[in-house]
């Protein structure tokens, strides 16, 4: 009788995420689900928008 070991299924590698936008201030990628802010024709990530445009109290 011949016994064969089952071959494990090969899982597909997840596709690398491609950024939707790039922050015009820091250059970091902005991905689907991240916050993006469009101010004066430029795109900012959440961190840069908060740093540059937050209100001083």
C-alpha atoms as a PDB file:
ATOM      1  CA  UNK A   1       0.000   0.000   0.000  1.00  0.00           C
ATOM      2  CA  UNK A   2       1.329   3.435  -0.952  1.00  0.00           C
ATOM      3  CA  UNK A   3       0.895   6.319   1.458  1.00  0.00           C
ATOM      4  CA  UNK A   4       1.286   9.852   0.210  1.00  0.00           C
ATOM      5  CA  UNK A   5       1.784  12.913   2.282  1.00  0.00           C
ATOM      6  CA  UNK A   6      -0.728  15.593   1.364  1.00  0.00           C
ATOM      7  CA  UNK A   7       0.800  18.584  -0.359  1.00  0.00           C
ATOM      8  CA  UNK A   8      -0.014  21.746   1.550  1.00  0.00           C
ATOM      9  CA  UNK A   9      -1.993  24.271  -0.426  1.00  0.00           C
ATOM     10  CA  UNK A  10      -0.005  27.198  -1.581  1.00  0.00           C
ATOM     11  CA  UNK A  11      -1.498  30.446  -0.417  1.00  0.00           C
ATOM     12  CA  UNK A  12      -1.383  33.372  -2.735  1.00  0.00           C
ATOM     13  CA  UNK A  13       0.798  36.179  -1.528  1.00  0.00           C
ATOM     14  CA  UNK A  14      -1.225  39.305  -0.799  1.00  0.00           C
ATOM     15  CA  UNK A  15      -0.680  42.037  -3.323  1.00  0.00           C
ATOM     16  CA  UNK A  16       1.436  44.832  -1.980  1.00  0.00           C
ATOM     17  CA  UNK A  17      -0.598  47.872  -1.179  1.00  0.00           C
ATOM     18  CA  UNK A  18      -0.164  50.691  -3.610  1.00  0.00           C
ATOM     19  CA  UNK A  19      -0.688  54.162  -2.161  1.00  0.00           C
ATOM     20  CA  UNK A  20      -3.608  56.098  -3.586  1.00  0.00           C
ATOM     21  CA  UNK A  21      -1.881  59.439  -2.982  1.00  0.00           C
ATOM     22  CA  UNK A  22       1.429  60.708  -1.638  1.00  0.00           C
ATOM     23  CA  UNK A  23       1.589  63.472   0.941  1.00  0.00           C
ATOM     24  CA  UNK A  24       2.962  66.610  -0.679  1.00  0.00           C
ATOM     25  CA  UNK A  25       4.629  67.576   2.614  1.00  0.00           C
ATOM     26  CA  UNK A  26       6.375  64.426   3.913  1.00  0.00           C
ATOM     27  CA  UNK A  27       6.092  62.133   0.877  1.00  0.00           C
ATOM     28  CA  UNK A  28       4.539  59.215   2.775  1.00  0.00           C
ATOM     29  CA  UNK A  29       2.002  57.064   0.953  1.00  0.00           C
ATOM     30  CA  UNK A  30      -1.696  57.550   1.735  1.00  0.00           C
ATOM     31  CA  UNK A  31      -3.538  54.241   1.443  1.00  0.00           C
ATOM     32  CA  UNK A  32      -7.187  53.295   1.141  1.00  0.00           C
ATOM     33  CA  UNK A  33      -8.777  53.949   4.540  1.00  0.00           C
ATOM     34  CA  UNK A  34      -6.228  56.568   5.617  1.00  0.00           C
ATOM     35  CA  UNK A  35      -7.225  60.187   6.041  1.00  0.00           C
ATOM     36  CA  UNK A  36      -6.248  62.512   3.208  1.00  0.00           C
ATOM     37  CA  UNK A  37      -6.701  66.266   3.255  1.00  0.00           C
ATOM     38  CA  UNK A  38      -6.828  68.367   0.093  1.00  0.00           C
ATOM     39  CA  UNK A  39      -5.829  71.937   0.928  1.00  0.00           C
ATOM     40  CA  UNK A  40      -5.028  74.583  -1.709  1.00  0.00           C
ATOM     41  CA  UNK A  41      -4.482  71.943  -4.379  1.00  0.00           C
ATOM     42  CA  UNK A  42      -2.064  69.886  -2.262  1.00  0.00           C
ATOM     43  CA  UNK A  43      -2.588  66.508  -0.582  1.00  0.00           C
ATOM     44  CA  UNK A  44      -1.659  66.093   3.095  1.00  0.00           C
ATOM     45  CA  UNK A  45      -1.640  63.022   5.330  1.00  0.00           C
ATOM     46  CA  UNK A  46      -3.373  63.287   8.716  1.00  0.00           C
ATOM     47  CA  UNK A  47      -0.178  63.975  10.645  1.00  0.00           C
ATOM     48  CA  UNK A  48       1.044  66.752   8.345  1.00  0.00           C
ATOM     49  CA  UNK A  49      -2.387  68.367   8.113  1.00  0.00           C
ATOM     50  CA  UNK A  50      -2.683  68.413  11.897  1.00  0.00           C
ATOM     51  CA  UNK A  51       0.838  69.778  12.306  1.00  0.00           C
ATOM     52  CA  UNK A  52       0.490  72.508   9.673  1.00  0.00           C
ATOM     53  CA  UNK A  53      -3.133  73.561  10.048  1.00  0.00           C
ATOM     54  CA  UNK A  54      -4.237  72.876  13.626  1.00  0.00           C
ATOM     55  CA  UNK A  55      -5.763  75.748  15.512  1.00  0.00           C
ATOM     56  CA  UNK A  56      -3.849  77.232  18.368  1.00  0.00           C
ATOM     57  CA  UNK A  57      -5.954  77.519  21.513  1.00  0.00           C
END
